Amino acid sequence: MAFLGGFFGIEFPPAEAPGIGSYWGMPPDPALTFVNARSALSALLASVRPPTLWLPAYICRSVPQAAAAAETPVRYFPVDVSLQPDIAFLDAATRAGDMVLAVDYFGRAPDAPFLDFVAQRQDLRFVEDGCHAVDTGAPPWGRWCLRSPRKLVGVPDGGFIAPGDDIAEPHRSRIDPRLDAQRAACLRFEDEEEQANPRWHAANQERETAENVSRRRMSRLARELLARLPVEAIARQRRDNFQALAESMSGLAFLPDQRPAYVPLGFPVRLPPATRSRVRADLIEQGIFPAVHWDDLPSPASFAVAHGLAGELLTLPCDQRYGTADMERVADVLRQSVRRP
């Protein structure tokens, strides 16, 4: 029964053009969306049932967590110093029916040799982890693409697989009515003067700690925002900001691109571990919050290249919220910190 009258809830105007959710292939059925990406991946694994899921040694801990929830065995493959998959290792180790997940690190698709490997090994099932990517500037290469919108745009929750057709048991459980997943994003949104950083940062840390694999769907708020967020403007601003940083600190850049065809997640720099710790602290003290992707890898320590990079990479913000003056501030603080003895 639909209710008539009463107070107004949150209202959205009609979308004027297809939003970023449509661009990413977000399933129109809310039951095929999830509260986070690990839940979406776990649902895919539970439906497809691959004998083994192969993951890059450089990966977030939430990915094997998704596999564990679906009772899928996990094995790891090496990456090189530019985060490209070890094709020879994969070709020798994988077996027909296995699933291989590779990552569009920092928004950039894997290189041509890996894409050739994907085309050649039709007996494998490939998942493109697009959680870092607005648009890789290249055609989709996986049978499925994993998305985590809140890593890239201002939504409080959400994750999905595109296409979602292979998820055999769409779930109907809705988001927690207490809206815990949305609390941090709403607190930051309401802090127009940005005076309550400790409060919304703590709320976000609490939410991150509580993240798990679940049957909850993406919130309606997140879906409605994704239907309206303009992908072209987001992509343009991210590229412009990345270019501004690339021109001012090319000696520290992890990625070689200055004018990328892809849309960057952020601007990764590579620093010795002790320097990285100092630089990160200096940036935070100046109100600049860099990300670490990732300093606590789930892969065995024998994957030395991946674990070495995990101690050295730092991702500077260059997303659509900021402009040229902000990038100059980031570059100035970083350069001063690196030079400091």
C-alpha atoms as a PDB file:
ATOM      1  CA  MET A   1       0.000   0.000   0.000  1.00  0.00           C
ATOM      2  CA  ALA A   2       1.389   3.412  -0.972  1.00  0.00           C
ATOM      3  CA  PHE A   3       1.001   6.138   1.633  1.00  0.00           C
ATOM      4  CA  LEU A   4      -0.436   9.515   0.692  1.00  0.00           C
ATOM      5  CA  GLY A   5       0.408  12.734   2.544  1.00  0.00           C
ATOM      6  CA  GLY A   6       2.546  13.180   5.631  1.00  0.00           C
ATOM      7  CA  PHE A   7       5.957  14.867   5.769  1.00  0.00           C
ATOM      8  CA  PHE A   8       8.328  15.012   2.808  1.00  0.00           C
ATOM      9  CA  GLY A   9      11.260  12.657   2.559  1.00  0.00           C
ATOM     10  CA  ILE A  10      14.339  13.511   0.490  1.00  0.00           C
ATOM     11  CA  GLU A  11      13.319  14.425  -3.048  1.00  0.00           C
ATOM     12  CA  PHE A  12      15.374  14.181  -6.247  1.00  0.00           C
ATOM     13  CA  PRO A  13      14.656  15.952  -9.537  1.00  0.00           C
ATOM     14  CA  PRO A  14      14.548  13.794 -12.665  1.00  0.00           C
ATOM     15  CA  ALA A  15      17.967  13.009 -14.129  1.00  0.00           C
ATOM     16  CA  GLU A  16      18.711  15.343 -17.044  1.00  0.00           C
ATOM     17  CA  ALA A  17      21.154  12.893 -18.664  1.00  0.00           C
ATOM     18  CA  PRO A  18      22.442   9.384 -17.966  1.00  0.00           C
ATOM     19  CA  GLY A  19      24.575   9.482 -14.838  1.00  0.00           C
ATOM     20  CA  ILE A  20      27.762   7.708 -13.903  1.00  0.00           C
ATOM     21  CA  GLY A  21      25.824   4.675 -12.635  1.00  0.00           C
ATOM     22  CA  SER A  22      24.413   4.073 -16.092  1.00  0.00           C
ATOM     23  CA  TYR A  23      27.860   4.643 -17.618  1.00  0.00           C
ATOM     24  CA  TRP A  24      29.246   1.905 -15.366  1.00  0.00           C
ATOM     25  CA  GLY A  25      26.402  -0.485 -16.174  1.00  0.00           C
ATOM     26  CA  MET A  26      24.800  -0.446 -12.729  1.00  0.00           C
ATOM     27  CA  PRO A  27      22.009  -3.067 -12.725  1.00  0.00           C
ATOM     28  CA  PRO A  28      18.574  -1.435 -12.808  1.00  0.00           C
ATOM     29  CA  ASP A  29      17.228  -4.059 -10.402  1.00  0.00           C
ATOM     30  CA  PRO A  30      18.082  -2.842  -6.865  1.00  0.00           C
ATOM     31  CA  ALA A  31      18.288  -6.490  -5.751  1.00  0.00           C
ATOM     32  CA  LEU A  32      21.415  -6.858  -7.926  1.00  0.00           C
ATOM     33  CA  THR A  33      23.198  -4.017  -6.142  1.00  0.00           C
ATOM     34  CA  PHE A  34      25.025  -4.402  -2.840  1.00  0.00           C
ATOM     35  CA  VAL A  35      26.066  -2.311   0.126  1.00  0.00           C
ATOM     36  CA  ASN A  36      29.725  -2.754  -0.861  1.00  0.00           C
ATOM     37  CA  ALA A  37      31.880  -4.264  -3.605  1.00  0.00           C
ATOM     38  CA  ARG A  38      33.078  -7.253  -1.584  1.00  0.00           C
ATOM     39  CA  SER A  39      29.469  -8.378  -1.182  1.00  0.00           C
ATOM     40  CA  ALA A  40      28.902  -8.093  -4.939  1.00  0.00           C
ATOM     41  CA  LEU A  41      32.014 -10.162  -5.690  1.00  0.00           C
ATOM     42  CA  SER A  42      31.044 -12.770  -3.115  1.00  0.00           C
ATOM     43  CA  ALA A  43      27.612 -13.123  -4.717  1.00  0.00           C
ATOM     44  CA  LEU A  44      29.213 -13.641  -8.130  1.00  0.00           C
ATOM     45  CA  LEU A  45      31.580 -16.281  -6.758  1.00  0.00           C
ATOM     46  CA  ALA A  46      28.716 -18.073  -5.033  1.00  0.00           C
ATOM     47  CA  SER A  47      26.847 -18.204  -8.345  1.00  0.00           C
ATOM     48  CA  VAL A  48      29.698 -19.118 -10.723  1.00  0.00           C
ATOM     49  CA  ARG A  49      31.577 -21.429  -8.318  1.00  0.00           C
ATOM     50  CA  PRO A  50      35.047 -21.328  -9.898  1.00  0.00           C
ATOM     51  CA  PRO A  51      37.454 -23.977  -8.569  1.00  0.00           C
ATOM     52  CA  THR A  52      40.029 -21.258  -7.751  1.00  0.00           C
ATOM     53  CA  LEU A  53      40.074 -17.456  -7.631  1.00  0.00           C
ATOM     54  CA  TRP A  54      43.454 -16.029  -8.657  1.00  0.00           C
ATOM     55  CA  LEU A  55      44.270 -12.625  -7.174  1.00  0.00           C
ATOM     56  CA  PRO A  56      47.204 -10.265  -7.743  1.00  0.00           C
ATOM     57  CA  ALA A  57      49.622 -10.216  -4.821  1.00  0.00           C
ATOM     58  CA  TYR A  58      48.985  -6.458  -4.584  1.00  0.00           C
ATOM     59  CA  ILE A  59      45.334  -6.359  -3.504  1.00  0.00           C
ATOM     60  CA  CYS A  60      43.029  -5.094  -0.782  1.00  0.00           C
ATOM     61  CA  ARG A  61      42.135  -7.494   2.044  1.00  0.00           C
ATOM     62  CA  SER A  62      38.425  -7.158   1.294  1.00  0.00           C
ATOM     63  CA  VAL A  63      38.806  -9.221  -1.900  1.00  0.00           C
ATOM     64  CA  PRO A  64      39.913 -12.502  -0.302  1.00  0.00           C
ATOM     65  CA  GLN A  65      37.315 -11.791   2.382  1.00  0.00           C
ATOM     66  CA  ALA A  66      34.671 -11.940  -0.358  1.00  0.00           C
ATOM     67  CA  ALA A  67      36.088 -15.255  -1.562  1.00  0.00           C
ATOM     68  CA  ALA A  68      36.107 -16.721   1.947  1.00  0.00           C
ATOM     69  CA  ALA A  69      32.427 -15.845   2.395  1.00  0.00           C
ATOM     70  CA  ALA A  70      31.656 -17.714  -0.846  1.00  0.00           C
ATOM     71  CA  GLU A  71      33.922 -20.632   0.166  1.00  0.00           C
ATOM     72  CA  THR A  72      36.100 -20.096  -2.924  1.00  0.00           C
ATOM     73  CA  PRO A  73      39.768 -21.132  -2.698  1.00  0.00           C
ATOM     74  CA  VAL A  74      42.203 -18.247  -3.341  1.00  0.00           C
ATOM     75  CA  ARG A  75      45.677 -18.263  -4.832  1.00  0.00           C
ATOM     76  CA  TYR A  76      47.913 -15.301  -5.677  1.00  0.00           C
ATOM     77  CA  PHE A  77      49.970 -14.342  -8.711  1.00  0.00           C
ATOM     78  CA  PRO A  78      52.951 -11.946  -8.881  1.00  0.00           C
ATOM     79  CA  VAL A  79      52.967  -8.413 -10.249  1.00  0.00           C
ATOM     80  CA  ASP A  80      55.996  -6.455 -11.432  1.00  0.00           C
ATOM     81  CA  VAL A  81      57.242  -3.054 -10.230  1.00  0.00           C
ATOM     82  CA  SER A  82      54.695  -1.284 -12.472  1.00  0.00           C
ATOM     83  CA  LEU A  83      51.882  -3.531 -11.126  1.00  0.00           C
ATOM     84  CA  GLN A  84      51.510  -5.525 -14.343  1.00  0.00           C
ATOM     85  CA  PRO A  85      50.418  -9.171 -13.907  1.00  0.00           C
ATOM     86  CA  ASP A  86      52.997 -11.916 -14.394  1.00  0.00           C
ATOM     87  CA  ILE A  87      51.578 -13.529 -17.528  1.00  0.00           C
ATOM     88  CA  ALA A  88      54.029 -16.431 -17.670  1.00  0.00           C
ATOM     89  CA  PHE A  89      53.148 -17.388 -14.089  1.00  0.00           C
ATOM     90  CA  LEU A  90      49.414 -17.217 -14.775  1.00  0.00           C
ATOM     91  CA  ASP A  91      49.669 -19.177 -17.997  1.00  0.00           C
ATOM     92  CA  ALA A  92      51.506 -22.016 -16.248  1.00  0.00           C
ATOM     93  CA  ALA A  93      49.537 -22.052 -12.974  1.00  0.00           C
ATOM     94  CA  THR A  94      45.888 -21.567 -13.963  1.00  0.00           C
ATOM     95  CA  ARG A  95      43.517 -24.344 -15.012  1.00  0.00           C
ATOM     96  CA  ALA A  96      40.359 -24.326 -17.125  1.00  0.00           C
ATOM     97  CA  GLY A  97      37.417 -22.847 -15.249  1.00  0.00           C
ATOM     98  CA  ASP A  98      39.537 -20.815 -12.834  1.00  0.00           C
ATOM     99  CA  MET A  99      38.627 -17.177 -12.250  1.00  0.00           C
ATOM    100  CA  VAL A 100      41.318 -14.500 -12.546  1.00  0.00           C
ATOM    101  CA  LEU A 101      40.783 -11.051 -11.054  1.00  0.00           C
ATOM    102  CA  ALA A 102      43.084  -8.230 -12.150  1.00  0.00           C
ATOM    103  CA  VAL A 103      42.915  -4.592 -11.128  1.00  0.00           C
ATOM    104  CA  ASP A 104      42.711  -1.344 -13.075  1.00  0.00           C
ATOM    105  CA  TYR A 105      45.220   0.127 -10.622  1.00  0.00           C
ATOM    106  CA  PHE A 106      44.747   3.862 -10.057  1.00  0.00           C
ATOM    107  CA  GLY A 107      42.240   3.911 -12.945  1.00  0.00           C
ATOM    108  CA  ARG A 108      44.591   2.459 -15.567  1.00  0.00           C
ATOM    109  CA  ALA A 109      43.879  -0.803 -17.424  1.00  0.00           C
ATOM    110  CA  PRO A 110      46.569  -3.517 -17.495  1.00  0.00           C
ATOM    111  CA  ASP A 111      48.991  -3.348 -20.406  1.00  0.00           C
ATOM    112  CA  ALA A 112      48.624  -4.914 -23.858  1.00  0.00           C
ATOM    113  CA  PRO A 113      50.422  -8.232 -23.111  1.00  0.00           C
ATOM    114  CA  PHE A 114      47.956  -9.012 -20.327  1.00  0.00           C
ATOM    115  CA  LEU A 115      44.979  -8.072 -22.512  1.00  0.00           C
ATOM    116  CA  ASP A 116      46.361 -10.414 -25.212  1.00  0.00           C
ATOM    117  CA  PHE A 117      46.569 -13.142 -22.561  1.00  0.00           C
ATOM    118  CA  VAL A 118      42.913 -12.522 -21.673  1.00  0.00           C
ATOM    119  CA  ALA A 119      41.937 -12.916 -25.328  1.00  0.00           C
ATOM    120  CA  GLN A 120      43.973 -16.106 -25.697  1.00  0.00           C
ATOM    121  CA  ARG A 121      42.834 -17.921 -22.545  1.00  0.00           C
ATOM    122  CA  GLN A 122      39.184 -18.401 -23.310  1.00  0.00           C
ATOM    123  CA  ASP A 123      39.097 -21.267 -20.788  1.00  0.00           C
ATOM    124  CA  LEU A 124      39.492 -18.828 -17.888  1.00  0.00           C
ATOM    125  CA  ARG A 125      36.954 -16.461 -16.342  1.00  0.00           C
ATOM    126  CA  PHE A 126      38.237 -12.907 -15.974  1.00  0.00           C
ATOM    127  CA  VAL A 127      36.974 -10.254 -13.553  1.00  0.00           C
ATOM    128  CA  GLU A 128      38.027  -6.666 -14.164  1.00  0.00           C
ATOM    129  CA  ASP A 129      38.361  -4.952 -10.808  1.00  0.00           C
ATOM    130  CA  GLY A 130      37.296  -1.440 -11.798  1.00  0.00           C
ATOM    131  CA  CYS A 131      36.998  -0.119  -8.246  1.00  0.00           C
ATOM    132  CA  HIS A 132      39.753   2.441  -8.980  1.00  0.00           C
ATOM    133  CA  ALA A 133      38.380   3.389 -12.397  1.00  0.00           C
ATOM    134  CA  VAL A 134      35.911   5.977 -13.624  1.00  0.00           C
ATOM    135  CA  ASP A 135      36.962   5.197 -17.210  1.00  0.00           C
ATOM    136  CA  THR A 136      40.143   3.352 -18.208  1.00  0.00           C
ATOM    137  CA  GLY A 137      40.141   4.887 -21.689  1.00  0.00           C
ATOM    138  CA  ALA A 138      40.184   1.326 -23.065  1.00  0.00           C
ATOM    139  CA  PRO A 139      37.469  -1.219 -23.902  1.00  0.00           C
ATOM    140  CA  PRO A 140      36.260  -3.414 -21.012  1.00  0.00           C
ATOM    141  CA  TRP A 141      38.398  -6.548 -20.899  1.00  0.00           C
ATOM    142  CA  GLY A 142      36.760  -8.805 -18.282  1.00  0.00           C
ATOM    143  CA  ARG A 143      33.679 -10.984 -18.487  1.00  0.00           C
ATOM    144  CA  TRP A 144      32.542  -9.037 -15.422  1.00  0.00           C
ATOM    145  CA  CYS A 145      33.522  -5.681 -13.962  1.00  0.00           C
ATOM    146  CA  LEU A 146      33.498  -4.999 -10.218  1.00  0.00           C
ATOM    147  CA  ARG A 147      32.539  -1.479  -9.110  1.00  0.00           C
ATOM    148  CA  SER A 148      32.833   0.354  -5.775  1.00  0.00           C
ATOM    149  CA  PRO A 149      31.340   3.814  -6.434  1.00  0.00           C
ATOM    150  CA  ARG A 150      32.099   5.384  -3.062  1.00  0.00           C
ATOM    151  CA  LYS A 151      35.845   5.214  -3.790  1.00  0.00           C
ATOM    152  CA  LEU A 152      35.317   7.635  -6.685  1.00  0.00           C
ATOM    153  CA  VAL A 153      32.233   9.776  -6.079  1.00  0.00           C
ATOM    154  CA  GLY A 154      30.210  11.188  -3.202  1.00  0.00           C
ATOM    155  CA  VAL A 155      27.852   8.338  -2.370  1.00  0.00           C
ATOM    156  CA  PRO A 156      27.518   6.766   1.078  1.00  0.00           C
ATOM    157  CA  ASP A 157      27.677   3.089   0.103  1.00  0.00           C
ATOM    158  CA  GLY A 158      27.338   0.640  -2.749  1.00  0.00           C
ATOM    159  CA  GLY A 159      28.947  -1.947  -4.970  1.00  0.00           C
ATOM    160  CA  PHE A 160      27.921  -4.055  -7.928  1.00  0.00           C
ATOM    161  CA  ILE A 161      29.014  -6.396 -10.696  1.00  0.00           C
ATOM    162  CA  ALA A 162      28.350  -5.364 -14.285  1.00  0.00           C
ATOM    163  CA  PRO A 163      26.599  -7.149 -15.804  1.00  0.00           C
ATOM    164  CA  GLY A 164      24.760  -8.672 -12.869  1.00  0.00           C
ATOM    165  CA  ASP A 165      23.008 -11.348 -14.912  1.00  0.00           C
ATOM    166  CA  ASP A 166      25.130 -14.208 -13.561  1.00  0.00           C
ATOM    167  CA  ILE A 167      24.199 -13.586  -9.936  1.00  0.00           C
ATOM    168  CA  ALA A 168      21.789 -16.475  -9.465  1.00  0.00           C
ATOM    169  CA  GLU A 169      20.074 -15.427  -6.253  1.00  0.00           C
ATOM    170  CA  PRO A 170      19.279 -11.713  -6.147  1.00  0.00           C
ATOM    171  CA  HIS A 171      18.816 -10.648  -2.543  1.00  0.00           C
ATOM    172  CA  ARG A 172      15.879  -8.711  -1.187  1.00  0.00           C
ATOM    173  CA  SER A 173      17.141  -7.588   2.210  1.00  0.00           C
ATOM    174  CA  ARG A 174      17.315  -3.820   2.413  1.00  0.00           C
ATOM    175  CA  ILE A 175      19.953  -1.616   3.988  1.00  0.00           C
ATOM    176  CA  ASP A 176      20.078  -1.464   7.770  1.00  0.00           C
ATOM    177  CA  PRO A 177      17.232   0.892   8.795  1.00  0.00           C
ATOM    178  CA  ARG A 178      19.616   2.674  11.181  1.00  0.00           C
ATOM    179  CA  LEU A 179      21.464   3.905   8.056  1.00  0.00           C
ATOM    180  CA  ASP A 180      24.833   3.282   9.699  1.00  0.00           C
ATOM    181  CA  ALA A 181      26.613   3.104   6.343  1.00  0.00           C
ATOM    182  CA  GLN A 182      25.398   6.604   5.450  1.00  0.00           C
ATOM    183  CA  ARG A 183      26.227   8.354   8.715  1.00  0.00           C
ATOM    184  CA  ALA A 184      29.821   9.372   7.929  1.00  0.00           C
ATOM    185  CA  ALA A 185      29.023  10.725   4.464  1.00  0.00           C
ATOM    186  CA  CYS A 186      26.050  12.708   5.787  1.00  0.00           C
ATOM    187  CA  LEU A 187      28.101  14.145   8.666  1.00  0.00           C
ATOM    188  CA  ARG A 188      30.766  15.358   6.255  1.00  0.00           C
ATOM    189  CA  PHE A 189      28.172  16.732   3.840  1.00  0.00           C
ATOM    190  CA  GLU A 190      26.530  18.785   6.589  1.00  0.00           C
ATOM    191  CA  ASP A 191      29.876  20.161   7.814  1.00  0.00           C
ATOM    192  CA  GLU A 192      29.893  23.122   5.406  1.00  0.00           C
ATOM    193  CA  GLU A 193      32.558  25.016   7.386  1.00  0.00           C
ATOM    194  CA  GLU A 194      34.671  21.847   7.761  1.00  0.00           C
ATOM    195  CA  GLN A 195      35.023  22.336  11.492  1.00  0.00           C
ATOM    196  CA  ALA A 196      34.000  18.826  12.553  1.00  0.00           C
ATOM    197  CA  ASN A 197      36.707  16.711  10.939  1.00  0.00           C
ATOM    198  CA  PRO A 198      37.304  14.562  14.051  1.00  0.00           C
ATOM    199  CA  ARG A 199      33.629  13.655  14.154  1.00  0.00           C
ATOM    200  CA  TRP A 200      33.120  12.564  10.550  1.00  0.00           C
ATOM    201  CA  HIS A 201      36.574  11.003  10.290  1.00  0.00           C
ATOM    202  CA  ALA A 202      35.859   8.884  13.357  1.00  0.00           C
ATOM    203  CA  ALA A 203      32.477   7.907  11.925  1.00  0.00           C
ATOM    204  CA  ASN A 204      34.124   6.830   8.688  1.00  0.00           C
ATOM    205  CA  GLN A 205      36.770   4.799  10.525  1.00  0.00           C
ATOM    206  CA  GLU A 206      33.998   3.105  12.479  1.00  0.00           C
ATOM    207  CA  ARG A 207      32.150   2.321   9.248  1.00  0.00           C
ATOM    208  CA  GLU A 208      35.298   0.952   7.591  1.00  0.00           C
ATOM    209  CA  THR A 209      35.945  -1.339  10.543  1.00  0.00           C
ATOM    210  CA  ALA A 210      32.370  -2.635  10.416  1.00  0.00           C
ATOM    211  CA  GLU A 211      32.441  -3.389   6.659  1.00  0.00           C
ATOM    212  CA  ASN A 212      31.801  -7.036   5.859  1.00  0.00           C
ATOM    213  CA  VAL A 213      30.198  -9.318   3.296  1.00  0.00           C
ATOM    214  CA  SER A 214      26.431  -9.122   3.599  1.00  0.00           C
ATOM    215  CA  ARG A 215      23.155  -9.552   1.746  1.00  0.00           C
ATOM    216  CA  ARG A 216      22.209  -5.900   2.117  1.00  0.00           C
ATOM    217  CA  ARG A 217      21.541  -3.947  -1.039  1.00  0.00           C
ATOM    218  CA  MET A 218      22.848  -0.527  -2.008  1.00  0.00           C
ATOM    219  CA  SER A 219      20.884   2.296  -0.437  1.00  0.00           C
ATOM    220  CA  ARG A 220      18.305   4.102  -2.512  1.00  0.00           C
ATOM    221  CA  LEU A 221      20.142   7.361  -1.750  1.00  0.00           C
ATOM    222  CA  ALA A 222      23.306   6.024  -3.394  1.00  0.00           C
ATOM    223  CA  ARG A 223      21.422   4.705  -6.429  1.00  0.00           C
ATOM    224  CA  GLU A 224      19.626   8.003  -6.961  1.00  0.00           C
ATOM    225  CA  LEU A 225      22.885   9.965  -6.737  1.00  0.00           C
ATOM    226  CA  LEU A 226      24.635   7.645  -9.197  1.00  0.00           C
ATOM    227  CA  ALA A 227      21.776   8.193 -11.637  1.00  0.00           C
ATOM    228  CA  ARG A 228      22.535  11.939 -11.628  1.00  0.00           C
ATOM    229  CA  LEU A 229      26.295  12.427 -11.155  1.00  0.00           C
ATOM    230  CA  PRO A 230      27.752  13.629 -14.517  1.00  0.00           C
ATOM    231  CA  VAL A 231      30.576  11.387 -15.691  1.00  0.00           C
ATOM    232  CA  GLU A 232      32.020  13.867 -18.229  1.00  0.00           C
ATOM    233  CA  ALA A 233      32.606  16.643 -15.685  1.00  0.00           C
ATOM    234  CA  ILE A 234      34.062  14.194 -13.159  1.00  0.00           C
ATOM    235  CA  ALA A 235      36.458  12.740 -15.731  1.00  0.00           C
ATOM    236  CA  ARG A 236      37.589  16.142 -17.011  1.00  0.00           C
ATOM    237  CA  GLN A 237      38.383  17.535 -13.549  1.00  0.00           C
ATOM    238  CA  ARG A 238      40.275  14.431 -12.453  1.00  0.00           C
ATOM    239  CA  ARG A 239      42.435  14.482 -15.590  1.00  0.00           C
ATOM    240  CA  ASP A 240      43.137  18.212 -15.246  1.00  0.00           C
ATOM    241  CA  ASN A 241      44.159  17.850 -11.608  1.00  0.00           C
ATOM    242  CA  PHE A 242      46.359  14.837 -12.356  1.00  0.00           C
ATOM    243  CA  GLN A 243      48.108  16.775 -15.106  1.00  0.00           C
ATOM    244  CA  ALA A 244      48.753  19.705 -12.749  1.00  0.00           C
ATOM    245  CA  LEU A 245      50.444  17.392 -10.258  1.00  0.00           C
ATOM    246  CA  ALA A 246      52.364  15.524 -12.967  1.00  0.00           C
ATOM    247  CA  GLU A 247      53.851  18.761 -14.279  1.00  0.00           C
ATOM    248  CA  SER A 248      55.073  19.840 -10.843  1.00  0.00           C
ATOM    249  CA  MET A 249      56.456  16.591  -9.397  1.00  0.00           C
ATOM    250  CA  SER A 250      57.330  14.220 -12.227  1.00  0.00           C
ATOM    251  CA  GLY A 251      60.377  12.896 -10.359  1.00  0.00           C
ATOM    252  CA  LEU A 252      58.167  11.371  -7.663  1.00  0.00           C
ATOM    253  CA  ALA A 253      55.329  10.100  -9.869  1.00  0.00           C
ATOM    254  CA  PHE A 254      54.659   6.356  -9.848  1.00  0.00           C
ATOM    255  CA  LEU A 255      52.740   6.442 -13.131  1.00  0.00           C
ATOM    256  CA  PRO A 256      54.548   7.702 -16.257  1.00  0.00           C
ATOM    257  CA  ASP A 257      51.587   9.553 -17.740  1.00  0.00           C
ATOM    258  CA  GLN A 258      51.210  13.336 -17.805  1.00  0.00           C
ATOM    259  CA  ARG A 259      48.031  13.521 -19.909  1.00  0.00           C
ATOM    260  CA  PRO A 260      46.336  10.190 -19.255  1.00  0.00           C
ATOM    261  CA  ALA A 261      43.635   8.799 -21.512  1.00  0.00           C
ATOM    262  CA  TYR A 262      42.268   7.050 -18.435  1.00  0.00           C
ATOM    263  CA  VAL A 263      40.564   8.852 -15.546  1.00  0.00           C
ATOM    264  CA  PRO A 264      42.874   8.669 -12.509  1.00  0.00           C
ATOM    265  CA  LEU A 265      41.872   7.517  -9.063  1.00  0.00           C
ATOM    266  CA  GLY A 266      44.537   9.777  -7.581  1.00  0.00           C
ATOM    267  CA  PHE A 267      48.165  10.701  -8.097  1.00  0.00           C
ATOM    268  CA  PRO A 268      50.399   7.944  -6.686  1.00  0.00           C
ATOM    269  CA  VAL A 269      53.948   8.783  -5.664  1.00  0.00           C
ATOM    270  CA  ARG A 270      56.666   6.309  -4.716  1.00  0.00           C
ATOM    271  CA  LEU A 271      58.802   7.121  -1.679  1.00  0.00           C
ATOM    272  CA  PRO A 272      61.148   5.170   0.604  1.00  0.00           C
ATOM    273  CA  PRO A 273      59.105   3.769   3.526  1.00  0.00           C
ATOM    274  CA  ALA A 274      60.538   6.112   6.168  1.00  0.00           C
ATOM    275  CA  THR A 275      60.063   9.120   3.894  1.00  0.00           C
ATOM    276  CA  ARG A 276      56.535   8.041   3.086  1.00  0.00           C
ATOM    277  CA  SER A 277      55.612   7.924   6.761  1.00  0.00           C
ATOM    278  CA  ARG A 278      56.963  11.434   7.330  1.00  0.00           C
ATOM    279  CA  VAL A 279      55.357  12.870   4.190  1.00  0.00           C
ATOM    280  CA  ARG A 280      52.014  11.330   5.028  1.00  0.00           C
ATOM    281  CA  ALA A 281      52.101  12.821   8.521  1.00  0.00           C
ATOM    282  CA  ASP A 282      53.082  16.247   7.145  1.00  0.00           C
ATOM    283  CA  LEU A 283      50.264  16.194   4.599  1.00  0.00           C
ATOM    284  CA  ILE A 284      47.678  15.228   7.216  1.00  0.00           C
ATOM    285  CA  GLU A 285      48.922  17.995   9.518  1.00  0.00           C
ATOM    286  CA  GLN A 286      48.221  20.463   6.696  1.00  0.00           C
ATOM    287  CA  GLY A 287      44.694  19.091   6.157  1.00  0.00           C
ATOM    288  CA  ILE A 288      45.560  16.970   3.099  1.00  0.00           C
ATOM    289  CA  PHE A 289      44.521  13.333   3.374  1.00  0.00           C
ATOM    290  CA  PRO A 290      46.476  10.951   1.103  1.00  0.00           C
ATOM    291  CA  ALA A 291      45.447   7.320   0.735  1.00  0.00           C
ATOM    292  CA  VAL A 292      47.562   4.187   1.063  1.00  0.00           C
ATOM    293  CA  HIS A 293      46.680   1.390  -1.383  1.00  0.00           C
ATOM    294  CA  TRP A 294      47.469  -0.876   0.493  1.00  0.00           C
ATOM    295  CA  ASP A 295      49.925  -1.236   3.375  1.00  0.00           C
ATOM    296  CA  ASP A 296      48.555  -4.535   4.747  1.00  0.00           C
ATOM    297  CA  LEU A 297      48.456  -7.018   1.882  1.00  0.00           C
ATOM    298  CA  PRO A 298      46.791 -10.419   2.345  1.00  0.00           C
ATOM    299  CA  SER A 299      49.264 -12.174   0.033  1.00  0.00           C
ATOM    300  CA  PRO A 300      52.263 -14.091   1.446  1.00  0.00           C
ATOM    301  CA  ALA A 301      55.398 -12.046   2.130  1.00  0.00           C
ATOM    302  CA  SER A 302      57.212 -14.152  -0.492  1.00  0.00           C
ATOM    303  CA  PHE A 303      55.653 -11.842  -3.106  1.00  0.00           C
ATOM    304  CA  ALA A 304      58.435  -9.365  -2.429  1.00  0.00           C
ATOM    305  CA  VAL A 305      57.733  -6.867  -5.219  1.00  0.00           C
ATOM    306  CA  ALA A 306      54.117  -6.353  -4.148  1.00  0.00           C
ATOM    307  CA  HIS A 307      55.005  -6.003  -0.472  1.00  0.00           C
ATOM    308  CA  GLY A 308      57.796  -3.597  -1.334  1.00  0.00           C
ATOM    309  CA  LEU A 309      55.397  -1.345  -3.230  1.00  0.00           C
ATOM    310  CA  ALA A 310      52.904  -1.565  -0.367  1.00  0.00           C
ATOM    311  CA  GLY A 311      55.454   0.180   1.838  1.00  0.00           C
ATOM    312  CA  GLU A 312      56.325   2.859  -0.704  1.00  0.00           C
ATOM    313  CA  LEU A 313      53.214   4.090  -2.547  1.00  0.00           C
ATOM    314  CA  LEU A 314      51.135   7.068  -1.400  1.00  0.00           C
ATOM    315  CA  THR A 315      48.106   8.334  -3.351  1.00  0.00           C
ATOM    316  CA  LEU A 316      47.553  12.089  -3.421  1.00  0.00           C
ATOM    317  CA  PRO A 317      43.988  13.383  -3.908  1.00  0.00           C
ATOM    318  CA  CYS A 318      43.250  14.860  -7.342  1.00  0.00           C
ATOM    319  CA  ASP A 319      39.547  14.168  -7.695  1.00  0.00           C
ATOM    320  CA  GLN A 320      36.640  16.269  -8.953  1.00  0.00           C
ATOM    321  CA  ARG A 321      36.196  18.166  -5.665  1.00  0.00           C
ATOM    322  CA  TYR A 322      39.348  20.204  -6.273  1.00  0.00           C
ATOM    323  CA  GLY A 323      40.958  22.629  -8.703  1.00  0.00           C
ATOM    324  CA  THR A 324      44.360  23.958  -9.750  1.00  0.00           C
ATOM    325  CA  ALA A 325      44.972  25.972  -6.570  1.00  0.00           C
ATOM    326  CA  ASP A 326      44.343  22.872  -4.472  1.00  0.00           C
ATOM    327  CA  MET A 327      46.832  20.881  -6.542  1.00  0.00           C
ATOM    328  CA  GLU A 328      49.448  23.614  -6.070  1.00  0.00           C
ATOM    329  CA  ARG A 329      48.932  23.380  -2.317  1.00  0.00           C
ATOM    330  CA  VAL A 330      49.322  19.588  -2.373  1.00  0.00           C
ATOM    331  CA  ALA A 331      52.503  19.813  -4.470  1.00  0.00           C
ATOM    332  CA  ASP A 332      54.031  22.532  -2.259  1.00  0.00           C
ATOM    333  CA  VAL A 333      53.465  20.610   0.969  1.00  0.00           C
ATOM    334  CA  LEU A 334      54.784  17.376  -0.503  1.00  0.00           C
ATOM    335  CA  ARG A 335      57.937  18.956  -1.963  1.00  0.00           C
ATOM    336  CA  GLN A 336      58.751  20.705   1.316  1.00  0.00           C
ATOM    337  CA  SER A 337      58.234  17.487   3.248  1.00  0.00           C
ATOM    338  CA  VAL A 338      60.407  15.411   0.920  1.00  0.00           C
ATOM    339  CA  ARG A 339      63.264  17.942   1.159  1.00  0.00           C
ATOM    340  CA  ARG A 340      63.108  18.116   4.935  1.00  0.00           C
ATOM    341  CA  PRO A 341      65.918  16.076   6.566  1.00  0.00           C
END
